[in-house]
Amino acid sequence: MRNVLKALREDKGLSQGALAAKLGVTRQTINAVETDKYDPSLPLALRLARLFGVNPQDIFLDDWQPEDEA
């Protein structure tokens, strides 16, 4: 899963630390999410979406495709 969190954060003029403080997580967590090393929990994904005024699907882009059933 990839995401556009870094672009949203930068558009709001927030540092990773400032965003982390708003969400009650560490800066390292924000960095790990932005670099696709960590998929956030559902509650964190929902808080991010609420903070940026978007749907979670607008932040987190799932490239998964189901296999064809034969």
C-alpha atoms as a PDB file:
ATOM      1  CA  MET A   1       0.000   0.000   0.000  1.00  0.00           C
ATOM      2  CA  ARG A   2       1.321   3.430  -0.848  1.00  0.00           C
ATOM      3  CA  ASN A   3       0.227   6.786   0.493  1.00  0.00           C
ATOM      4  CA  VAL A   4       0.288  10.532  -0.102  1.00  0.00           C
ATOM      5  CA  LEU A   5       0.733  11.514   3.543  1.00  0.00           C
ATOM      6  CA  LYS A   6       3.969  13.425   2.972  1.00  0.00           C
ATOM      7  CA  ALA A   7       2.374  15.621   0.298  1.00  0.00           C
ATOM      8  CA  LEU A   8      -0.663  16.339   2.493  1.00  0.00           C
ATOM      9  CA  ARG A   9       1.561  17.158   5.461  1.00  0.00           C
ATOM     10  CA  GLU A  10       3.804  19.456   3.457  1.00  0.00           C
ATOM     11  CA  ASP A  11       0.790  21.224   1.898  1.00  0.00           C
ATOM     12  CA  LYS A  12      -0.340  22.095   5.446  1.00  0.00           C
ATOM     13  CA  GLY A  13       3.160  23.297   6.357  1.00  0.00           C
ATOM     14  CA  LEU A  14       3.559  20.698   9.095  1.00  0.00           C
ATOM     15  CA  SER A  15       6.768  18.982  10.092  1.00  0.00           C
ATOM     16  CA  GLN A  16       6.707  15.292  10.890  1.00  0.00           C
ATOM     17  CA  GLY A  17       7.100  16.194  14.560  1.00  0.00           C
ATOM     18  CA  ALA A  18       4.208  18.653  14.517  1.00  0.00           C
ATOM     19  CA  LEU A  19       1.917  16.151  12.810  1.00  0.00           C
ATOM     20  CA  ALA A  20       2.957  13.453  15.266  1.00  0.00           C
ATOM     21  CA  ALA A  21       2.186  15.745  18.206  1.00  0.00           C
ATOM     22  CA  LYS A  22      -1.304  16.493  16.837  1.00  0.00           C
ATOM     23  CA  LEU A  23      -1.989  12.758  16.528  1.00  0.00           C
ATOM     24  CA  GLY A  24      -0.360  11.566  19.736  1.00  0.00           C
ATOM     25  CA  VAL A  25       2.236   9.401  17.996  1.00  0.00           C
ATOM     26  CA  THR A  26       5.995   9.651  17.537  1.00  0.00           C
ATOM     27  CA  ARG A  27       7.766  11.399  14.685  1.00  0.00           C
ATOM     28  CA  GLN A  28       9.259   8.016  13.837  1.00  0.00           C
ATOM     29  CA  THR A  29       5.753   6.635  13.293  1.00  0.00           C
ATOM     30  CA  ILE A  30       4.941   9.415  10.832  1.00  0.00           C
ATOM     31  CA  ASN A  31       8.247   8.827   9.040  1.00  0.00           C
ATOM     32  CA  ALA A  32       7.596   5.079   8.811  1.00  0.00           C
ATOM     33  CA  VAL A  33       4.114   5.650   7.369  1.00  0.00           C
ATOM     34  CA  GLU A  34       5.380   8.209   4.843  1.00  0.00           C
ATOM     35  CA  THR A  35       8.146   5.896   3.642  1.00  0.00           C
ATOM     36  CA  ASP A  36       5.790   2.903   3.324  1.00  0.00           C
ATOM     37  CA  LYS A  37       7.608   0.981   6.059  1.00  0.00           C
ATOM     38  CA  TYR A  38       4.520   0.841   8.279  1.00  0.00           C
ATOM     39  CA  ASP A  39       0.806   0.638   7.535  1.00  0.00           C
ATOM     40  CA  PRO A  40      -1.004   2.578  10.248  1.00  0.00           C
ATOM     41  CA  SER A  41      -3.706   1.118  12.440  1.00  0.00           C
ATOM     42  CA  LEU A  42      -7.270   1.842  11.404  1.00  0.00           C
ATOM     43  CA  PRO A  43      -7.760   4.381  14.229  1.00  0.00           C
ATOM     44  CA  LEU A  44      -4.620   6.264  13.163  1.00  0.00           C
ATOM     45  CA  ALA A  45      -5.649   6.197   9.495  1.00  0.00           C
ATOM     46  CA  LEU A  46      -9.048   7.605  10.441  1.00  0.00           C
ATOM     47  CA  ARG A  47      -7.489  10.362  12.581  1.00  0.00           C
ATOM     48  CA  LEU A  48      -5.181  11.307   9.704  1.00  0.00           C
ATOM     49  CA  ALA A  49      -8.116  11.491   7.316  1.00  0.00           C
ATOM     50  CA  ARG A  50     -10.146  13.606   9.743  1.00  0.00           C
ATOM     51  CA  LEU A  51      -7.202  15.945  10.354  1.00  0.00           C
ATOM     52  CA  PHE A  52      -6.698  16.549   6.634  1.00  0.00           C
ATOM     53  CA  GLY A  53     -10.420  16.629   5.810  1.00  0.00           C
ATOM     54  CA  VAL A  54     -10.296  13.747   3.350  1.00  0.00           C
ATOM     55  CA  ASN A  55     -11.357  10.108   3.195  1.00  0.00           C
ATOM     56  CA  PRO A  56      -8.810   7.460   4.227  1.00  0.00           C
ATOM     57  CA  GLN A  57      -8.860   6.161   0.633  1.00  0.00           C
ATOM     58  CA  ASP A  58      -7.568   9.575  -0.471  1.00  0.00           C
ATOM     59  CA  ILE A  59      -4.443   9.086   1.661  1.00  0.00           C
ATOM     60  CA  PHE A  60      -3.845   5.344   1.436  1.00  0.00           C
ATOM     61  CA  LEU A  61      -3.837   3.850  -2.044  1.00  0.00           C
ATOM     62  CA  ASP A  62      -4.215   0.094  -2.265  1.00  0.00           C
ATOM     63  CA  ASP A  63      -2.696  -1.467  -5.371  1.00  0.00           C
ATOM     64  CA  TRP A  64      -4.094  -4.922  -4.589  1.00  0.00           C
ATOM     65  CA  GLN A  65      -5.998  -6.652  -7.383  1.00  0.00           C
ATOM     66  CA  PRO A  66      -7.983  -9.863  -6.894  1.00  0.00           C
ATOM     67  CA  GLU A  67      -6.850 -12.900  -8.835  1.00  0.00           C
ATOM     68  CA  ASP A  68      -9.092 -13.964 -11.669  1.00  0.00           C
ATOM     69  CA  GLU A  69     -11.266 -16.873 -10.723  1.00  0.00           C
ATOM     70  CA  ALA A  70     -10.956 -19.640 -13.290  1.00  0.00           C
END
